[in-house]
């Protein structure tokens, strides 16, 4: 049995196998071929952090695969209200076939997985957002920018940055990260990525100049400057991130035909300009839809490991 907590736990071959499976399921679905590979199975979805894309994609995906998804918020279960995480894990995993958790502390996810009898999926923690990277790379494949990719990430050194680091390190492509001073990626995550990169041949660069990161890139991506739980820092972050908005002028520094990605939600006029987002709406919203298909591939792949 395997859990999906971070891309660090998976090989290059396994990551590409999951994405390929997602692409096949998507192709079949678009052709009217419905794979019911998780028929009569139940996915427990635990949300300590709310989300549009995560809930809709997992719930819809489980339904399309023939199973059932169960939405559980803090108001619905005793987790965080006195019952130990390990007890909740034992109970839920005795009744459900798979668990997806979207929460704050990564340590909570790890503890839950340690006591779970079924696969646990990271739907987002403050440390990593690996399901988003499956969708992002799937989108890069579909739009023809996965091979020999040079990816520039502009913004906060957050869970998305950590996940891009792990994906680049595992798959062996070039990643440039530009963050403001004081918002750099966590040093331990960077060290881990650099160690993995020695074997894969990945090129990883970190800097504070967004223009330097974007120059010559084939993919440019960003994320919100203030994530959920950082609302009280929002005004300060807007000041600190001046010059980090990805707009048409910044994209002109990238390769001709470079693609722009955003995991959404997007705050127009902050991390991305209104015009750039709308000009790239085809790929950004294809990326959002691919959360559904990549996660279907992931759930089917995890089921096959048992």
Protein backbone atom coordinates (compact mmCIF):
# COMPACT_ATOMS: atom_id res chain seq x y z
CA UNK A 1 0.00 0.00 0.00
CA UNK A 2 1.23 3.49 -0.88
CA UNK A 3 0.28 6.95 0.39
CA UNK A 4 0.60 10.12 -1.70
CA UNK A 5 1.93 12.73 0.72
CA UNK A 6 4.75 14.33 -1.29
CA UNK A 7 6.42 13.74 -4.65
CA UNK A 8 9.62 13.10 -2.74
CA UNK A 9 8.32 9.59 -1.99
CA UNK A 10 7.95 8.68 -5.68
CA UNK A 11 10.35 7.84 -8.47
CA UNK A 12 10.39 9.58 -11.84
CA UNK A 13 8.91 6.48 -13.43
CA UNK A 14 6.07 6.32 -10.91
CA UNK A 15 5.18 10.01 -11.33
CA UNK A 16 5.08 9.69 -15.11
CA UNK A 17 3.09 6.45 -14.85
CA UNK A 18 0.42 8.17 -12.72
CA UNK A 19 0.19 11.08 -15.17
CA UNK A 20 0.05 8.73 -18.16
CA UNK A 21 -2.79 6.83 -16.49
CA UNK A 22 -4.61 10.12 -15.90
CA UNK A 23 -4.17 11.07 -19.55
CA UNK A 24 -5.56 7.70 -20.67
CA UNK A 25 -8.58 8.00 -18.37
CA UNK A 26 -9.15 11.54 -19.66
CA UNK A 27 -8.95 10.41 -23.31
CA UNK A 28 -11.40 7.58 -22.66
CA UNK A 29 -13.77 9.89 -20.77
CA UNK A 30 -13.78 12.45 -23.58
CA UNK A 31 -14.57 9.61 -26.02
CA UNK A 32 -17.52 8.48 -23.91
CA UNK A 33 -15.72 5.47 -22.43
CA UNK A 34 -16.38 5.33 -18.70
CA UNK A 35 -13.90 3.42 -16.54
CA UNK A 36 -15.59 2.24 -13.34
CA UNK A 37 -12.34 1.04 -11.78
CA UNK A 38 -13.28 2.18 -8.27
CA UNK A 39 -16.83 0.90 -8.31
CA UNK A 40 -18.36 0.45 -4.83
CA UNK A 41 -15.38 2.20 -3.22
CA UNK A 42 -15.62 5.21 -0.91
CA UNK A 43 -13.25 8.17 -0.67
CA UNK A 44 -13.31 10.09 2.61
CA UNK A 45 -12.47 13.76 1.97
CA UNK A 46 -11.33 15.59 5.12
CA UNK A 47 -11.25 19.38 4.76
CA UNK A 48 -9.68 21.54 7.44
CA UNK A 49 -8.99 24.05 4.65
CA UNK A 50 -11.79 24.83 2.23
CA UNK A 51 -11.33 24.65 -1.55
CA UNK A 52 -13.22 24.89 -4.82
CA UNK A 53 -11.02 22.80 -7.12
CA UNK A 54 -9.98 20.16 -4.60
CA UNK A 55 -13.48 19.27 -3.52
CA UNK A 56 -15.07 19.36 -6.96
CA UNK A 57 -12.27 17.41 -8.64
CA UNK A 58 -12.03 14.62 -6.06
CA UNK A 59 -15.78 14.26 -5.57
CA UNK A 60 -16.51 14.30 -9.31
CA UNK A 61 -13.55 12.05 -10.05
CA UNK A 62 -14.65 9.40 -7.57
CA UNK A 63 -18.18 9.47 -9.00
CA UNK A 64 -16.90 9.09 -12.57
CA UNK A 65 -14.81 6.10 -11.49
CA UNK A 66 -17.90 4.40 -10.07
CA UNK A 67 -17.29 5.18 -6.40
CA UNK A 68 -18.61 7.58 -3.79
CA UNK A 69 -16.94 10.55 -2.10
CA UNK A 70 -17.79 11.61 1.45
CA UNK A 71 -17.21 15.27 2.39
CA UNK A 72 -16.06 15.73 6.00
CA UNK A 73 -15.37 19.18 7.44
CA UNK A 74 -14.30 20.07 10.98
CA UNK A 75 -17.98 20.39 11.84
CA UNK A 76 -18.70 16.83 10.72
CA UNK A 77 -16.07 14.83 12.59
CA UNK A 78 -14.27 14.92 15.95
CA UNK A 79 -10.82 15.50 14.42
CA UNK A 80 -9.38 18.60 16.06
CA UNK A 81 -12.11 18.61 18.71
CA UNK A 82 -10.61 16.26 21.24
CA UNK A 83 -10.20 12.96 19.40
CA UNK A 84 -6.57 12.09 18.60
CA UNK A 85 -5.61 12.04 14.93
CA UNK A 86 -4.56 8.40 15.20
CA UNK A 87 -7.99 7.36 16.47
CA UNK A 88 -9.78 9.22 13.67
CA UNK A 89 -7.45 7.57 11.17
CA UNK A 90 -8.17 4.10 12.54
CA UNK A 91 -11.93 4.63 12.44
CA UNK A 92 -12.23 6.25 9.00
CA UNK A 93 -9.79 3.87 7.33
CA UNK A 94 -11.74 0.88 8.67
CA UNK A 95 -14.84 2.08 6.81
CA UNK A 96 -13.50 3.80 3.67
CA UNK A 97 -11.24 2.66 0.85
CA UNK A 98 -9.16 5.83 0.47
CA UNK A 99 -8.72 9.15 2.29
CA UNK A 100 -7.92 12.62 0.95
CA UNK A 101 -6.92 15.31 3.46
CA UNK A 102 -6.61 19.06 2.91
CA UNK A 103 -5.15 20.61 6.04
CA UNK A 104 -2.62 23.03 7.50
CA UNK A 105 0.14 21.07 9.23
CA UNK A 106 1.93 18.44 7.18
CA UNK A 107 2.73 16.55 10.41
CA UNK A 108 -1.01 15.95 10.93
CA UNK A 109 -1.23 14.33 7.48
CA UNK A 110 1.80 12.15 8.22
CA UNK A 111 0.34 11.01 11.55
CA UNK A 112 -2.97 10.16 9.94
CA UNK A 113 -1.22 8.14 7.23
CA UNK A 114 0.85 6.28 9.81
CA UNK A 115 -2.31 4.88 11.41
CA UNK A 116 -4.42 4.49 8.27
CA UNK A 117 -5.21 1.08 6.80
CA UNK A 118 -5.91 2.61 3.38
CA UNK A 119 -4.09 5.01 1.02
CA UNK A 120 -3.98 8.66 2.14
CA UNK A 121 -3.71 11.50 -0.39
CA UNK A 122 -2.37 14.97 0.33
CA UNK A 123 -4.97 17.40 -1.02
CA UNK A 124 -2.78 20.27 0.27
CA UNK A 125 -0.81 21.10 3.39
CA UNK A 126 1.23 24.15 4.29
CA UNK A 127 4.30 22.20 3.15
CA UNK A 128 3.26 20.54 -0.13
CA UNK A 129 0.56 20.46 -2.81
CA UNK A 130 1.58 17.43 -4.91
CA UNK A 131 -1.77 16.73 -6.64
CA UNK A 132 -1.58 20.20 -8.20
CA UNK A 133 1.81 19.38 -9.70
CA UNK A 134 0.43 16.22 -11.30
CA UNK A 135 -2.16 18.41 -13.03
CA UNK A 136 0.45 21.03 -13.95
CA UNK A 137 2.81 18.56 -15.58
CA UNK A 138 -0.08 16.84 -17.35
CA UNK A 139 -0.98 20.24 -18.79
CA UNK A 140 2.63 20.85 -19.84
CA UNK A 141 2.56 17.54 -21.73
CA UNK A 142 -0.71 18.40 -23.47
CA UNK A 143 0.50 21.87 -24.49
CA UNK A 144 3.86 20.61 -25.73
CA UNK A 145 6.19 22.26 -23.19
CA UNK A 146 7.16 19.30 -21.01
CA UNK A 147 10.17 18.16 -23.01
CA UNK A 148 13.35 20.08 -22.11
CA UNK A 149 11.26 22.38 -19.92
CA UNK A 150 12.70 25.49 -18.31
CA UNK A 151 10.22 26.51 -15.62
CA UNK A 152 10.26 29.87 -13.85
CA UNK A 153 8.31 30.19 -10.61
CA UNK A 154 7.74 33.79 -9.46
CA UNK A 155 6.29 34.49 -6.02
CA UNK A 156 6.20 33.19 -2.47
CA UNK A 157 8.40 30.33 -1.24
CA UNK A 158 5.36 28.29 -0.23
CA UNK A 159 3.88 24.81 -0.64
CA UNK A 160 3.64 25.27 -4.41
CA UNK A 161 7.32 26.21 -4.60
CA UNK A 162 8.22 23.16 -2.52
CA UNK A 163 6.20 20.94 -4.82
CA UNK A 164 7.77 22.40 -7.97
CA UNK A 165 11.17 21.74 -6.42
CA UNK A 166 10.32 18.08 -5.87
CA UNK A 167 8.85 17.65 -9.36
CA UNK A 168 11.85 19.25 -11.07
CA UNK A 169 14.31 17.29 -8.94
CA UNK A 170 12.58 13.99 -9.70
CA UNK A 171 11.96 14.54 -13.42
CA UNK A 172 15.24 16.31 -14.17
CA UNK A 173 14.19 19.61 -15.76
CA UNK A 174 15.39 23.16 -15.06
CA UNK A 175 13.57 25.17 -12.39
CA UNK A 176 14.24 28.79 -11.49
CA UNK A 177 12.61 30.22 -8.38
CA UNK A 178 12.37 33.96 -7.77
CA UNK A 179 11.09 35.12 -4.38
CA UNK A 180 11.36 38.42 -2.50
CA UNK A 181 13.95 38.59 0.27
CA UNK A 182 12.49 37.09 3.39
CA UNK A 183 10.13 34.82 1.45
CA UNK A 184 12.67 32.28 0.19
CA UNK A 185 11.94 28.58 -0.01
CA UNK A 186 12.56 26.53 3.15
CA UNK A 187 16.23 25.56 3.33
CA UNK A 188 15.62 21.90 4.18
CA UNK A 189 13.28 21.42 1.21
CA UNK A 190 15.84 23.08 -1.06
CA UNK A 191 18.64 20.85 0.24
CA UNK A 192 16.51 17.74 -0.32
CA UNK A 193 15.70 18.85 -3.87
CA UNK A 194 19.34 19.60 -4.66
CA UNK A 195 20.38 16.17 -3.38
CA UNK A 196 17.80 14.46 -5.60
CA UNK A 197 18.80 16.68 -8.54
CA UNK A 198 22.36 15.32 -8.42
CA UNK A 199 20.99 11.98 -9.64
CA UNK A 200 18.35 13.23 -12.08
CA UNK A 201 20.41 16.01 -13.67
CA UNK A 202 17.87 18.69 -12.75
CA UNK A 203 19.08 22.30 -12.72
CA UNK A 204 17.69 24.26 -9.78
CA UNK A 205 18.33 27.97 -9.29
CA UNK A 206 16.99 30.27 -6.59
CA UNK A 207 17.14 34.07 -6.79
CA UNK A 208 15.36 37.30 -5.89
CA UNK A 209 15.10 38.79 -9.39
CA UNK A 210 11.90 37.65 -11.20
CA UNK A 211 13.12 38.95 -14.55
CA UNK A 212 16.26 36.86 -14.30
CA UNK A 213 14.15 33.78 -13.58
CA UNK A 214 11.73 34.35 -16.47
CA UNK A 215 14.34 35.23 -19.11
CA UNK A 216 14.41 32.34 -21.61
CA UNK A 217 11.91 30.18 -19.69
CA UNK A 218 9.45 27.92 -21.55
CA UNK A 219 6.94 27.88 -18.67
CA UNK A 220 6.20 30.70 -16.23
CA UNK A 221 4.08 30.06 -13.15
CA UNK A 222 3.04 31.84 -9.98
CA UNK A 223 0.70 31.56 -7.00
CA UNK A 224 -1.21 33.85 -4.67
CA UNK A 225 0.98 36.01 -2.43
CA UNK A 226 -1.11 35.38 0.70
CA UNK A 227 -2.41 31.85 1.20
CA UNK A 228 -5.29 30.77 3.39
CA UNK A 229 -4.35 31.46 7.01
CA UNK A 230 -2.14 34.43 6.05
CA UNK A 231 -4.93 36.99 5.66
CA UNK A 232 -3.50 39.21 8.39
CA UNK A 233 -0.24 39.45 6.38
CA UNK A 234 -1.93 40.39 3.12
CA UNK A 235 -1.25 44.15 3.08
CA UNK A 236 2.38 43.68 4.11
CA UNK A 237 2.85 41.02 1.46
CA UNK A 238 1.41 43.26 -1.25
CA UNK A 239 4.12 45.78 -0.37
CA UNK A 240 6.89 43.18 -0.16
CA UNK A 241 5.96 41.57 -3.50
CA UNK A 242 6.05 44.77 -5.58
CA UNK A 243 7.68 43.96 -8.91
CA UNK A 244 6.67 40.28 -8.75
CA UNK A 245 3.42 40.49 -10.72
CA UNK A 246 3.65 38.37 -13.86
CA UNK A 247 2.34 40.47 -16.75
CA UNK A 248 2.81 40.81 -20.48
CA UNK A 249 6.08 42.72 -20.15
CA UNK A 250 7.58 40.06 -17.91
CA UNK A 251 6.37 37.26 -20.21
CA UNK A 252 8.16 38.97 -23.12
CA UNK A 253 11.40 37.90 -21.45
CA UNK A 254 10.45 34.21 -21.74
CA UNK A 255 10.93 32.02 -24.79
CA UNK A 256 8.72 32.66 -27.78
CA UNK A 257 5.61 30.55 -27.29
CA UNK A 258 6.20 30.17 -23.54
CA UNK A 259 3.20 29.06 -21.50
CA UNK A 260 1.79 30.61 -18.34
CA UNK A 261 0.39 28.43 -15.53
CA UNK A 262 -1.52 29.34 -12.37
CA UNK A 263 -2.95 26.87 -9.86
CA UNK A 264 -5.82 29.27 -8.99
CA UNK A 265 -7.48 31.08 -7.36
CA UNK A 266 -5.87 34.05 -9.12
CA UNK A 267 -5.83 37.56 -7.68
CA UNK A 268 -5.71 39.78 -10.75
CA UNK A 269 -3.57 42.85 -10.29
CA UNK A 270 -1.43 41.14 -7.65
CA UNK A 271 0.54 38.04 -8.66
CA UNK A 272 -0.80 38.15 -12.26
CA UNK A 273 -2.25 40.88 -14.44
CA UNK A 274 -5.84 40.68 -15.68
CA UNK A 275 -4.70 40.81 -19.30
CA UNK A 276 -2.11 38.04 -19.00
CA UNK A 277 -4.49 35.69 -17.24
CA UNK A 278 -7.23 36.22 -19.81
CA UNK A 279 -4.76 35.86 -22.68
CA UNK A 280 -3.75 32.48 -21.22
CA UNK A 281 -7.20 31.37 -20.08
CA UNK A 282 -7.13 28.32 -22.37
CA UNK A 283 -4.16 26.73 -20.64
CA UNK A 284 -4.91 27.99 -17.10
CA UNK A 285 -8.41 26.55 -17.09
CA UNK A 286 -7.27 23.37 -18.85
CA UNK A 287 -4.80 23.10 -15.97
CA UNK A 288 -7.69 23.47 -13.51
CA UNK A 289 -9.71 20.76 -15.29
CA UNK A 290 -6.69 18.47 -15.23
CA UNK A 291 -6.93 18.31 -11.45
CA UNK A 292 -9.92 16.03 -12.12
CA UNK A 293 -8.14 13.75 -14.58
CA UNK A 294 -4.74 13.63 -12.85
CA UNK A 295 -6.38 12.73 -9.54
CA UNK A 296 -8.45 10.00 -11.17
CA UNK A 297 -5.20 8.55 -12.45
CA UNK A 298 -3.69 8.85 -8.98
CA UNK A 299 -6.59 7.15 -7.23
CA UNK A 300 -6.66 4.26 -9.71
CA UNK A 301 -2.87 3.90 -9.44
CA UNK A 302 -2.95 3.84 -5.63
CA UNK A 303 -5.75 1.26 -5.68
CA UNK A 304 -3.62 -1.00 -7.87
CA UNK A 305 -0.75 -0.89 -5.33
CA UNK A 306 -2.77 -2.63 -2.62
